[in-house]
Amino acid sequence: MESRAVIVVRGLVQGVGYRYYIHRCASGLGLAGYAENLPGGEVKIVAEGDRGMIEELIAAARVGPRAAHVTAVGVEWEKPTHEFKGFSIR
């Protein structure tokens, strides 16, 4: 089932390759959307695609790359908008 999730990840997630890690994971899962740094030090991920694949991305987001230290992951589910052609880093 097509879904959309807005995911906000807190912790040491900027300056450690976190967005690139998410880009690789999301692209490998066939998801569309983006990852971007937020001013408060968090990373925001918007992902659209199969709900099961998004749940796999969320599981990967909780771990992150080796240099990251994730302390919290918030997820809001929404209806997909189909506005993305692939997954990008902003």
C-alpha atoms as a PDB file:
ATOM      1  CA  MET A   1       0.000   0.000   0.000  1.00  0.00           C
ATOM      2  CA  GLU A   2       1.343   3.414  -0.970  1.00  0.00           C
ATOM      3  CA  SER A   3       2.126   5.611   2.027  1.00  0.00           C
ATOM      4  CA  ARG A   4       4.017   8.736   3.016  1.00  0.00           C
ATOM      5  CA  ALA A   5       5.962   9.302   6.213  1.00  0.00           C
ATOM      6  CA  VAL A   6       7.532  12.429   7.618  1.00  0.00           C
ATOM      7  CA  ILE A   7      10.369  11.320   9.884  1.00  0.00           C
ATOM      8  CA  VAL A   8      12.368  13.585  12.200  1.00  0.00           C
ATOM      9  CA  VAL A   9      15.571  12.124  13.603  1.00  0.00           C
ATOM     10  CA  ARG A  10      17.303  13.619  16.645  1.00  0.00           C
ATOM     11  CA  GLY A  11      20.779  13.067  18.032  1.00  0.00           C
ATOM     12  CA  LEU A  12      24.207  13.368  16.450  1.00  0.00           C
ATOM     13  CA  VAL A  13      22.894  13.207  12.879  1.00  0.00           C
ATOM     14  CA  GLN A  14      24.440  16.219  11.150  1.00  0.00           C
ATOM     15  CA  GLY A  15      27.995  16.240   9.843  1.00  0.00           C
ATOM     16  CA  VAL A  16      28.298  12.435  10.026  1.00  0.00           C
ATOM     17  CA  GLY A  17      27.009  11.369   6.586  1.00  0.00           C
ATOM     18  CA  TYR A  18      23.518  10.654   7.886  1.00  0.00           C
ATOM     19  CA  ARG A  19      21.594  12.102   4.912  1.00  0.00           C
ATOM     20  CA  TYR A  20      23.791  10.174   2.461  1.00  0.00           C
ATOM     21  CA  TYR A  21      23.185   6.981   4.445  1.00  0.00           C
ATOM     22  CA  ILE A  22      19.412   7.593   4.281  1.00  0.00           C
ATOM     23  CA  HIS A  23      19.670   8.380   0.554  1.00  0.00           C
ATOM     24  CA  ARG A  24      21.368   5.022  -0.102  1.00  0.00           C
ATOM     25  CA  CYS A  25      18.841   3.136   2.035  1.00  0.00           C
ATOM     26  CA  ALA A  26      15.777   4.860   0.560  1.00  0.00           C
ATOM     27  CA  SER A  27      16.986   4.500  -3.028  1.00  0.00           C
ATOM     28  CA  GLY A  28      17.719   0.821  -2.454  1.00  0.00           C
ATOM     29  CA  LEU A  29      14.196   0.330  -1.109  1.00  0.00           C
ATOM     30  CA  GLY A  30      12.647   2.070  -4.134  1.00  0.00           C
ATOM     31  CA  LEU A  31      11.338   5.022  -2.117  1.00  0.00           C
ATOM     32  CA  ALA A  32      10.891   8.614  -3.258  1.00  0.00           C
ATOM     33  CA  GLY A  33      11.309  11.779  -1.213  1.00  0.00           C
ATOM     34  CA  TYR A  34      14.178  13.633   0.422  1.00  0.00           C
ATOM     35  CA  ALA A  35      16.365  14.079   3.498  1.00  0.00           C
ATOM     36  CA  GLU A  36      17.363  17.510   4.791  1.00  0.00           C
ATOM     37  CA  ASN A  37      19.096  19.062   7.784  1.00  0.00           C
ATOM     38  CA  LEU A  38      16.923  21.147  10.097  1.00  0.00           C
ATOM     39  CA  PRO A  39      18.216  24.255  11.913  1.00  0.00           C
ATOM     40  CA  GLY A  40      17.888  22.595  15.331  1.00  0.00           C
ATOM     41  CA  GLY A  41      20.337  19.805  14.467  1.00  0.00           C
ATOM     42  CA  GLU A  42      17.757  17.205  13.420  1.00  0.00           C
ATOM     43  CA  VAL A  43      17.346  15.502  10.050  1.00  0.00           C
ATOM     44  CA  LYS A  44      13.936  15.476   8.379  1.00  0.00           C
ATOM     45  CA  ILE A  45      13.104  12.639   6.019  1.00  0.00           C
ATOM     46  CA  VAL A  46      10.049  12.571   3.772  1.00  0.00           C
ATOM     47  CA  ALA A  47       9.530   9.178   2.165  1.00  0.00           C
ATOM     48  CA  GLU A  48       6.829   7.877  -0.160  1.00  0.00           C
ATOM     49  CA  GLY A  49       6.283   4.364  -1.427  1.00  0.00           C
ATOM     50  CA  ASP A  50       5.306   0.970  -0.118  1.00  0.00           C
ATOM     51  CA  ARG A  51       4.523   1.147   3.608  1.00  0.00           C
ATOM     52  CA  GLY A  52       6.616  -1.943   4.341  1.00  0.00           C
ATOM     53  CA  MET A  53       9.623  -0.368   2.620  1.00  0.00           C
ATOM     54  CA  ILE A  54       9.118   2.873   4.578  1.00  0.00           C
ATOM     55  CA  GLU A  55       9.055   0.854   7.799  1.00  0.00           C
ATOM     56  CA  GLU A  56      12.399  -0.685   6.761  1.00  0.00           C
ATOM     57  CA  LEU A  57      13.756   2.835   6.192  1.00  0.00           C
ATOM     58  CA  ILE A  58      12.555   3.871   9.654  1.00  0.00           C
ATOM     59  CA  ALA A  59      14.382   0.883  11.156  1.00  0.00           C
ATOM     60  CA  ALA A  60      17.557   1.929   9.307  1.00  0.00           C
ATOM     61  CA  ALA A  61      17.057   5.552  10.439  1.00  0.00           C
ATOM     62  CA  ARG A  62      17.062   4.407  14.079  1.00  0.00           C
ATOM     63  CA  VAL A  63      20.582   3.001  13.546  1.00  0.00           C
ATOM     64  CA  GLY A  64      22.196   5.450  11.112  1.00  0.00           C
ATOM     65  CA  PRO A  65      25.798   5.352   9.890  1.00  0.00           C
ATOM     66  CA  ARG A  66      28.602   4.401  12.278  1.00  0.00           C
ATOM     67  CA  ALA A  67      29.501   7.991  13.248  1.00  0.00           C
ATOM     68  CA  ALA A  68      25.886   8.908  14.097  1.00  0.00           C
ATOM     69  CA  HIS A  69      24.176   8.603  17.462  1.00  0.00           C
ATOM     70  CA  VAL A  70      20.386   8.578  17.120  1.00  0.00           C
ATOM     71  CA  THR A  71      18.476   9.507  20.280  1.00  0.00           C
ATOM     72  CA  ALA A  72      14.900   9.788  18.943  1.00  0.00           C
ATOM     73  CA  VAL A  73      12.906   9.124  15.788  1.00  0.00           C
ATOM     74  CA  GLY A  74       9.472  10.685  15.301  1.00  0.00           C
ATOM     75  CA  VAL A  75       7.169   9.477  12.535  1.00  0.00           C
ATOM     76  CA  GLU A  76       3.969  10.993  11.147  1.00  0.00           C
ATOM     77  CA  TRP A  77       2.036   9.060   8.499  1.00  0.00           C
ATOM     78  CA  GLU A  78       0.302  11.004   5.731  1.00  0.00           C
ATOM     79  CA  LYS A  79      -1.398  10.381   2.414  1.00  0.00           C
ATOM     80  CA  PRO A  80       1.111  10.213  -0.473  1.00  0.00           C
ATOM     81  CA  THR A  81       1.245  13.190  -2.844  1.00  0.00           C
ATOM     82  CA  HIS A  82       3.370  11.525  -5.579  1.00  0.00           C
ATOM     83  CA  GLU A  83       5.331  14.771  -5.999  1.00  0.00           C
ATOM     84  CA  PHE A  84       8.771  13.124  -6.050  1.00  0.00           C
ATOM     85  CA  LYS A  85      10.508  11.348  -8.925  1.00  0.00           C
ATOM     86  CA  GLY A  86      13.292   9.838  -6.806  1.00  0.00           C
ATOM     87  CA  PHE A  87      15.029  10.328  -3.479  1.00  0.00           C
ATOM     88  CA  SER A  88      17.193  13.421  -3.006  1.00  0.00           C
ATOM     89  CA  ILE A  89      19.329  15.195  -0.438  1.00  0.00           C
ATOM     90  CA  ARG A  90      18.483  18.801   0.300  1.00  0.00           C
END
